[in-house]
C-alpha atoms as a PDB file:
ATOM      1  CA  MET A   1      22.548  -0.370  -5.838  1.00  0.00           C
ATOM      2  CA  GLY A   2      23.032  -3.316  -3.526  1.00  0.00           C
ATOM      3  CA  LEU A   3      24.880  -6.104  -5.293  1.00  0.00           C
ATOM      4  CA  ASP A   4      25.785  -8.062  -2.152  1.00  0.00           C
ATOM      5  CA  SER A   5      23.462 -10.942  -2.988  1.00  0.00           C
ATOM      6  CA  LEU A   6      24.667 -13.224  -5.787  1.00  0.00           C
ATOM      7  CA  ASP A   7      21.130 -13.529  -7.177  1.00  0.00           C
ATOM      8  CA  VAL A   8      20.660  -9.745  -7.278  1.00  0.00           C
ATOM      9  CA  PHE A   9      24.080  -9.342  -8.899  1.00  0.00           C
ATOM     10  CA  LEU A  10      23.290 -11.953 -11.575  1.00  0.00           C
ATOM     11  CA  ARG A  11      19.862 -10.483 -12.305  1.00  0.00           C
ATOM     12  CA  THR A  12      21.347  -6.992 -12.567  1.00  0.00           C
ATOM     13  CA  VAL A  13      24.074  -8.156 -14.945  1.00  0.00           C
ATOM     14  CA  ARG A  14      21.555 -10.165 -16.967  1.00  0.00           C
ATOM     15  CA  ASP A  15      19.097  -7.285 -17.263  1.00  0.00           C
ATOM     16  CA  ASP A  16      21.562  -4.416 -17.776  1.00  0.00           C
ATOM     17  CA  LEU A  17      23.836  -6.242 -20.205  1.00  0.00           C
ATOM     18  CA  GLY A  18      21.040  -8.138 -21.933  1.00  0.00           C
ATOM     19  CA  LEU A  19      22.671 -11.533 -21.427  1.00  0.00           C
ATOM     20  CA  ASP A  20      20.891 -14.855 -21.199  1.00  0.00           C
ATOM     21  CA  ILE A  21      22.089 -15.919 -17.731  1.00  0.00           C
ATOM     22  CA  ALA A  22      20.324 -18.505 -15.609  1.00  0.00           C
ATOM     23  CA  VAL A  23      20.027 -17.406 -11.985  1.00  0.00           C
ATOM     24  CA  PRO A  24      21.783 -18.784  -9.973  1.00  0.00           C
ATOM     25  CA  GLU A  25      23.016 -21.601 -12.233  1.00  0.00           C
ATOM     26  CA  GLY A  26      24.926 -19.242 -14.544  1.00  0.00           C
ATOM     27  CA  ALA A  27      27.199 -17.962 -11.784  1.00  0.00           C
ATOM     28  CA  ASP A  28      29.872 -20.577 -12.434  1.00  0.00           C
ATOM     29  CA  THR A  29      29.754 -20.572 -16.227  1.00  0.00           C
ATOM     30  CA  ALA A  30      33.034 -19.415 -17.743  1.00  0.00           C
ATOM     31  CA  LEU A  31      32.624 -15.854 -18.980  1.00  0.00           C
ATOM     32  CA  GLY A  32      33.685 -16.829 -22.497  1.00  0.00           C
ATOM     33  CA  GLU A  33      30.924 -19.443 -22.565  1.00  0.00           C
ATOM     34  CA  LEU A  34      28.098 -17.061 -21.616  1.00  0.00           C
ATOM     35  CA  PRO A  35      25.795 -16.523 -24.603  1.00  0.00           C
ATOM     36  CA  GLY A  36      26.568 -13.103 -26.040  1.00  0.00           C
ATOM     37  CA  TRP A  37      29.657 -12.445 -23.882  1.00  0.00           C
ATOM     38  CA  ASP A  38      32.383 -10.394 -25.535  1.00  0.00           C
ATOM     39  CA  SER A  39      34.942  -7.723 -24.687  1.00  0.00           C
ATOM     40  CA  LEU A  40      32.324  -4.985 -25.033  1.00  0.00           C
ATOM     41  CA  ASN A  41      30.285  -6.648 -22.301  1.00  0.00           C
ATOM     42  CA  LEU A  42      33.355  -6.598 -20.063  1.00  0.00           C
ATOM     43  CA  LEU A  43      33.535  -2.820 -20.536  1.00  0.00           C
ATOM     44  CA  ARG A  44      29.808  -2.524 -19.926  1.00  0.00           C
ATOM     45  CA  LEU A  45      30.219  -4.585 -16.744  1.00  0.00           C
ATOM     46  CA  VAL A  46      32.977  -2.240 -15.534  1.00  0.00           C
ATOM     47  CA  ALA A  47      30.694   0.754 -16.192  1.00  0.00           C
ATOM     48  CA  LEU A  48      27.767  -0.965 -14.433  1.00  0.00           C
ATOM     49  CA  LEU A  49      29.880  -1.670 -11.367  1.00  0.00           C
ATOM     50  CA  GLU A  50      31.266   1.864 -11.223  1.00  0.00           C
ATOM     51  CA  GLU A  51      27.822   3.414 -11.677  1.00  0.00           C
ATOM     52  CA  SER A  52      26.589   1.341  -8.744  1.00  0.00           C
ATOM     53  CA  GLY A  53      29.479   2.492  -6.548  1.00  0.00           C
ATOM     54  CA  HIS A  54      31.621  -0.633  -6.821  1.00  0.00           C
ATOM     55  CA  ARG A  55      35.129   0.246  -7.958  1.00  0.00           C
ATOM     56  CA  VAL A  56      36.784  -3.066  -8.694  1.00  0.00           C
ATOM     57  CA  PRO A  57      40.244  -2.722 -10.285  1.00  0.00           C
ATOM     58  CA  VAL A  58      40.007  -3.665 -13.955  1.00  0.00           C
ATOM     59  CA  HIS A  59      43.075  -5.887 -13.740  1.00  0.00           C
ATOM     60  CA  ARG A  60      41.256  -7.977 -11.123  1.00  0.00           C
ATOM     61  CA  LEU A  61      38.163  -8.219 -13.327  1.00  0.00           C
ATOM     62  CA  LEU A  62      40.351  -9.444 -16.180  1.00  0.00           C
ATOM     63  CA  GLU A  63      41.508 -12.290 -13.930  1.00  0.00           C
ATOM     64  CA  ALA A  64      37.940 -13.366 -13.106  1.00  0.00           C
ATOM     65  CA  ARG A  65      36.774 -16.479 -14.929  1.00  0.00           C
ATOM     66  CA  SER A  66      33.081 -16.449 -13.970  1.00  0.00           C
ATOM     67  CA  LEU A  67      30.403 -14.100 -12.717  1.00  0.00           C
ATOM     68  CA  ARG A  68      30.729 -15.715  -9.285  1.00  0.00           C
ATOM     69  CA  GLU A  69      34.378 -14.593  -9.238  1.00  0.00           C
ATOM     70  CA  VAL A  70      33.333 -11.088 -10.344  1.00  0.00           C
ATOM     71  CA  HIS A  71      30.743 -11.032  -7.550  1.00  0.00           C
ATOM     72  CA  THR A  72      33.399 -12.072  -5.043  1.00  0.00           C
ATOM     73  CA  LEU A  73      35.486  -9.078  -6.182  1.00  0.00           C
ATOM     74  CA  VAL A  74      32.480  -6.782  -5.844  1.00  0.00           C
ATOM     75  CA  LYS A  75      32.069  -7.871  -2.239  1.00  0.00           C
ATOM     76  CA  GLU A  76      35.829  -7.632  -1.590  1.00  0.00           C
ATOM     77  CA  TYR A  77      36.169  -4.089  -2.912  1.00  0.00           C
ATOM     78  CA  GLY A  78      32.830  -2.907  -1.601  1.00  0.00           C
END
């Protein structure tokens, strides 16, 4: 799954996690302020990334404050 584009990444996260995220406006919203965001969604996001071939270290994901920062990590770790 190609998640290189921020819009594709946001749409994938929105659709797979069932979150109400505006694309692309929601990219900079703090994770804790996303409607429906919780620790379970963080685990689901980790699983989504791994299933799509993107192995971002969990400790780096825990440092991310927005989906834009998560997307930057996805691109960094390939």
